Amino acid sequence: MARTQSGASLLSRAVRLVEAFRQGEEWLTVTELARRTGLHLATASRLVAELTGHGWLERDEARRVRLGVRLWEVAARASSALSLREAAMPVLEDLHAQVRQHAQIGVLDGTEVLFLERLSAPDAVVNFTRIAGRLSLHASSSGLVLLAHGDAAFQEEVLAGPHEAFTDSTPTDPEQLRRILARIRRDGSAYCPGYLHPDATGIAAPVLRRGTVVATLSVVVPNVPQSRQWEPLLRIAAATVTRRLDGTG
């Protein structure tokens, strides 16, 4: 594969361009893409033209660039995410109908939780989750569930921090986090009042495939004492998705 003098392959430069788009951004100029990726403007322009030709990027009349529908189409074929979503969606819809706030599916990606799906209500409480968005493991209910079921070396890597405090309730101390992880493993779910926003509580439970945690189901509800009533429901819903993935339910 062709490489630049710096050793970067054509593929790696194209990946840098695609990954330069941040959550919530739609259009970027080629100049901004070149700045973010560290590519020469002429190189960025040439790669944008090639990726546009393949449908991975799109351009408007002002020559601004955005991610293309073709890229979404190819990504949607990812077998593990697709089978998970197909198994989880009927359960997620039932969960959302009962809670009438936010219900979502999250998976581990690196040291963050990545959300594959979210259902919301118009008057629901504040929620930082977005489809294809990410949250920190230490501060989100989904992230803490995934961390609690990770191997010891991974846990220690994450616990070493640093940990951003989103609110006064966000757990940032490693020993505090260890106690929370132990409680999640004991209870089978995470209850996180005010960790990301003072008005919101996150509740999550693990989804397994053949005995291994592969995802979480979670809800975001108002931060009130009654919100704890949803914790058993999350565990039941996650167990239902687990059975669907394993072909036993």
Protein backbone atom coordinates (compact mmCIF):
# COMPACT_ATOMS: atom_id res chain seq x y z
CA MET A 1 0.00 0.00 0.00
CA ALA A 2 1.34 3.43 -0.92
CA ARG A 3 2.86 5.41 1.91
CA THR A 4 3.88 9.02 2.49
CA GLN A 5 7.36 10.03 3.54
CA SER A 6 6.08 10.05 7.13
CA GLY A 7 5.07 6.39 6.76
CA ALA A 8 1.30 6.93 6.77
CA SER A 9 -0.55 4.66 4.35
CA LEU A 10 -3.27 5.86 2.03
CA LEU A 11 -5.79 3.91 4.09
CA SER A 12 -4.68 5.45 7.39
CA ARG A 13 -4.93 8.96 5.91
CA ALA A 14 -8.43 8.23 4.64
CA VAL A 15 -9.43 6.90 8.08
CA ARG A 16 -8.10 10.08 9.71
CA LEU A 17 -10.31 12.15 7.41
CA VAL A 18 -13.43 10.14 8.21
CA GLU A 19 -12.73 10.19 11.94
CA ALA A 20 -12.16 13.95 11.96
CA PHE A 21 -15.93 14.49 12.16
CA ARG A 22 -17.02 14.97 15.77
CA GLN A 23 -20.31 14.17 17.42
CA GLY A 24 -22.99 16.63 16.35
CA GLU A 25 -21.02 18.03 13.40
CA GLU A 26 -22.46 17.67 9.91
CA TRP A 27 -20.48 19.83 7.48
CA LEU A 28 -16.75 20.67 7.49
CA THR A 29 -14.53 22.46 4.98
CA VAL A 30 -11.57 20.69 3.39
CA THR A 31 -9.32 23.26 5.07
CA GLU A 32 -10.66 22.29 8.49
CA LEU A 33 -10.29 18.59 7.68
CA ALA A 34 -6.68 19.17 6.67
CA ARG A 35 -6.02 21.07 9.90
CA ARG A 36 -7.55 18.38 12.11
CA THR A 37 -5.79 15.49 10.40
CA GLY A 38 -2.42 17.17 9.89
CA LEU A 39 -2.60 16.43 6.17
CA HIS A 40 -1.38 18.80 3.49
CA LEU A 41 -4.33 20.70 2.00
CA ALA A 42 -3.72 19.23 -1.47
CA THR A 43 -3.58 15.71 -0.02
CA ALA A 44 -6.78 16.22 1.96
CA SER A 45 -8.52 17.64 -1.10
CA ARG A 46 -7.48 14.68 -3.26
CA LEU A 47 -8.60 12.13 -0.65
CA VAL A 48 -11.92 13.92 -0.14
CA ALA A 49 -12.53 13.76 -3.89
CA GLU A 50 -11.80 9.99 -3.95
CA LEU A 51 -13.95 9.25 -0.90
CA THR A 52 -16.77 11.35 -2.35
CA GLY A 53 -16.57 9.30 -5.53
CA HIS A 54 -17.12 6.15 -3.46
CA GLY A 55 -20.01 7.70 -1.52
CA TRP A 56 -18.17 7.66 1.82
CA LEU A 57 -18.23 11.46 1.86
CA GLU A 58 -20.65 13.97 0.34
CA ARG A 59 -20.21 17.62 -0.73
CA ASP A 60 -22.69 20.48 -0.93
CA GLU A 61 -22.82 23.44 -3.31
CA ALA A 62 -20.44 25.38 -1.06
CA ARG A 63 -17.92 22.48 -1.31
CA ARG A 64 -18.35 21.62 2.35
CA VAL A 65 -17.97 17.95 3.26
CA ARG A 66 -19.98 15.53 5.40
CA LEU A 67 -20.05 11.78 6.00
CA GLY A 68 -21.84 9.90 3.23
CA VAL A 69 -24.81 7.58 3.38
CA ARG A 70 -22.72 4.83 1.79
CA LEU A 71 -20.43 4.85 4.84
CA TRP A 72 -23.45 4.38 7.12
CA GLU A 73 -24.72 1.56 4.88
CA VAL A 74 -21.45 -0.36 5.10
CA ALA A 75 -21.11 0.22 8.86
CA ALA A 76 -24.68 -1.01 9.41
CA ARG A 77 -23.63 -4.41 8.09
CA ALA A 78 -21.33 -5.03 11.07
CA SER A 79 -22.54 -8.48 12.07
CA SER A 80 -22.04 -8.26 15.83
CA ALA A 81 -23.74 -4.87 16.17
CA LEU A 82 -26.51 -5.86 13.77
CA SER A 83 -27.39 -9.09 15.58
CA LEU A 84 -27.26 -7.31 18.92
CA ARG A 85 -29.54 -4.54 17.73
CA GLU A 86 -32.00 -7.01 16.19
CA ALA A 87 -32.16 -9.00 19.43
CA ALA A 88 -32.40 -5.94 21.65
CA MET A 89 -34.81 -3.63 19.81
CA PRO A 90 -38.12 -5.33 20.73
CA VAL A 91 -37.02 -5.38 24.37
CA LEU A 92 -35.76 -1.81 24.20
CA GLU A 93 -39.09 -0.67 22.77
CA ASP A 94 -41.01 -2.37 25.58
CA LEU A 95 -38.64 -0.87 28.14
CA HIS A 96 -39.07 2.60 26.68
CA ALA A 97 -42.87 2.23 26.68
CA GLN A 98 -42.82 1.52 30.40
CA VAL A 99 -40.23 4.06 31.51
CA ARG A 100 -41.29 6.83 29.08
CA GLN A 101 -37.92 8.53 29.34
CA HIS A 102 -34.71 7.36 27.59
CA ALA A 103 -33.78 3.73 26.82
CA GLN A 104 -30.56 2.78 25.08
CA ILE A 105 -28.07 0.09 24.03
CA GLY A 106 -24.36 0.54 24.72
CA VAL A 107 -21.20 -1.44 23.91
CA LEU A 108 -17.57 -1.14 24.98
CA ASP A 109 -15.24 0.53 22.49
CA GLY A 110 -11.75 1.17 23.77
CA THR A 111 -12.08 2.94 27.10
CA GLU A 112 -15.52 4.43 26.39
CA VAL A 113 -19.08 3.22 25.99
CA LEU A 114 -20.47 3.60 22.47
CA PHE A 115 -24.25 3.83 22.04
CA LEU A 116 -25.83 1.88 19.19
CA GLU A 117 -29.43 2.95 19.75
CA ARG A 118 -31.51 5.33 21.86
CA LEU A 119 -35.25 5.82 22.23
CA SER A 120 -36.52 9.00 23.88
CA ALA A 121 -39.68 10.89 24.76
CA PRO A 122 -40.26 14.58 23.91
CA ASP A 123 -40.47 15.67 27.56
CA ALA A 124 -37.80 13.31 28.91
CA VAL A 125 -35.09 14.35 31.37
CA VAL A 126 -31.74 15.67 30.10
CA ASN A 127 -29.53 12.99 28.55
CA PHE A 128 -26.03 13.29 27.08
CA THR A 129 -26.34 10.04 25.13
CA ARG A 130 -26.50 10.15 21.33
CA ILE A 131 -26.65 7.34 18.78
CA ALA A 132 -23.02 6.70 17.78
CA GLY A 133 -22.04 8.92 20.71
CA ARG A 134 -19.65 8.02 23.51
CA LEU A 135 -19.46 8.50 27.28
CA SER A 136 -16.78 7.91 29.89
CA LEU A 137 -16.84 4.53 31.60
CA HIS A 138 -16.49 5.89 35.15
CA ALA A 139 -19.40 8.34 34.95
CA SER A 140 -22.14 6.49 33.06
CA SER A 141 -24.28 3.58 34.20
CA SER A 142 -23.58 1.66 30.98
CA GLY A 143 -19.87 2.36 31.23
CA LEU A 144 -19.67 1.20 34.83
CA VAL A 145 -21.46 -2.06 34.00
CA LEU A 146 -19.04 -2.74 31.15
CA LEU A 147 -16.09 -1.84 33.35
CA ALA A 148 -17.34 -4.01 36.21
CA HIS A 149 -17.29 -7.05 33.91
CA GLY A 150 -13.97 -6.29 32.23
CA ASP A 151 -10.79 -8.15 33.06
CA ALA A 152 -8.62 -7.03 35.97
CA ALA A 153 -5.90 -5.43 33.83
CA PHE A 154 -8.44 -3.37 31.90
CA GLN A 155 -10.12 -2.25 35.10
CA GLU A 156 -6.84 -1.11 36.60
CA GLU A 157 -5.97 0.79 33.42
CA VAL A 158 -9.25 2.70 33.58
CA LEU A 159 -9.18 3.19 37.34
CA ALA A 160 -5.75 4.81 37.07
CA GLY A 161 -7.57 7.80 35.58
CA PRO A 162 -7.72 10.68 35.25
CA HIS A 163 -11.48 10.87 35.85
CA GLU A 164 -13.52 13.94 34.99
CA ALA A 165 -16.06 15.09 37.56
CA PHE A 166 -19.21 16.01 35.62
CA THR A 167 -21.14 16.75 38.84
CA ASP A 168 -20.51 16.66 42.58
CA SER A 169 -21.82 13.07 42.51
CA THR A 170 -19.50 11.74 39.80
CA PRO A 171 -17.25 9.01 41.26
CA THR A 172 -13.61 9.89 40.58
CA ASP A 173 -11.68 8.21 43.39
CA PRO A 174 -10.29 4.76 42.39
CA GLU A 175 -11.27 3.15 45.69
CA GLN A 176 -14.79 4.55 45.44
CA LEU A 177 -15.01 3.20 41.90
CA ARG A 178 -13.82 -0.24 43.03
CA ARG A 179 -16.65 -0.35 45.57
CA ILE A 180 -19.15 0.67 42.90
CA LEU A 181 -17.88 -2.03 40.52
CA ALA A 182 -18.12 -4.67 43.25
CA ARG A 183 -21.70 -3.58 43.99
CA ILE A 184 -22.61 -3.81 40.29
CA ARG A 185 -21.27 -7.36 40.09
CA ARG A 186 -23.16 -8.26 43.27
CA ASP A 187 -26.49 -6.65 42.31
CA GLY A 188 -26.43 -7.31 38.56
CA SER A 189 -27.08 -3.67 37.67
CA ALA A 190 -25.78 -0.12 38.10
CA TYR A 191 -27.71 2.72 39.73
CA CYS A 192 -26.05 6.11 39.11
CA PRO A 193 -27.97 9.11 40.47
CA GLY A 194 -26.63 12.45 39.28
CA TYR A 195 -23.32 11.09 37.95
CA LEU A 196 -23.51 12.92 34.61
CA HIS A 197 -26.16 15.57 35.36
CA PRO A 198 -27.75 16.55 38.68
CA ASP A 199 -31.26 16.06 37.28
CA ALA A 200 -30.72 12.61 35.77
CA THR A 201 -30.20 9.05 37.00
CA GLY A 202 -28.69 6.35 34.82
CA ILE A 203 -29.58 2.68 35.40
CA ALA A 204 -27.98 -0.15 33.42
CA ALA A 205 -27.71 -3.94 33.33
CA PRO A 206 -25.41 -6.28 31.37
CA VAL A 207 -26.32 -8.19 28.23
CA LEU A 208 -24.42 -11.44 27.72
CA ARG A 209 -23.67 -13.63 24.73
CA ARG A 210 -22.54 -17.16 25.61
CA GLY A 211 -21.61 -16.07 29.11
CA THR A 212 -19.64 -12.94 28.18
CA VAL A 213 -20.90 -9.39 28.70
CA VAL A 214 -21.19 -7.80 25.24
CA ALA A 215 -23.47 -4.82 25.85
CA THR A 216 -25.74 -3.00 28.26
CA LEU A 217 -29.34 -1.95 28.34
CA SER A 218 -29.86 1.30 30.19
CA VAL A 219 -32.38 4.01 30.95
CA VAL A 220 -31.96 7.64 31.92
CA VAL A 221 -34.73 8.88 34.22
CA PRO A 222 -35.31 11.83 36.57
CA ASN A 223 -33.07 11.91 39.62
CA VAL A 224 -35.70 11.21 42.26
CA PRO A 225 -35.85 8.49 44.96
CA GLN A 226 -38.61 6.64 43.07
CA SER A 227 -36.29 6.07 40.11
CA ARG A 228 -34.80 3.05 41.86
CA GLN A 229 -38.01 1.15 41.03
CA TRP A 230 -36.70 0.68 37.47
CA GLU A 231 -33.59 -1.27 38.49
CA PRO A 232 -35.26 -4.73 38.64
CA LEU A 233 -36.95 -4.03 35.30
CA LEU A 234 -33.54 -3.32 33.72
CA ARG A 235 -32.19 -6.63 34.96
CA ILE A 236 -35.18 -8.50 33.53
CA ALA A 237 -34.93 -6.69 30.20
CA ALA A 238 -31.19 -7.35 29.87
CA ALA A 239 -31.71 -11.03 30.72
CA THR A 240 -34.35 -11.21 27.99
CA VAL A 241 -31.93 -9.83 25.39
CA THR A 242 -29.31 -12.31 26.62
CA ARG A 243 -31.69 -15.20 26.00
CA ARG A 244 -32.53 -13.86 22.54
CA LEU A 245 -28.84 -13.63 21.65
CA ASP A 246 -28.23 -17.17 22.85
CA GLY A 247 -31.30 -18.48 21.04
CA THR A 248 -33.01 -19.59 24.24
CA GLY A 249 -35.75 -16.99 24.49
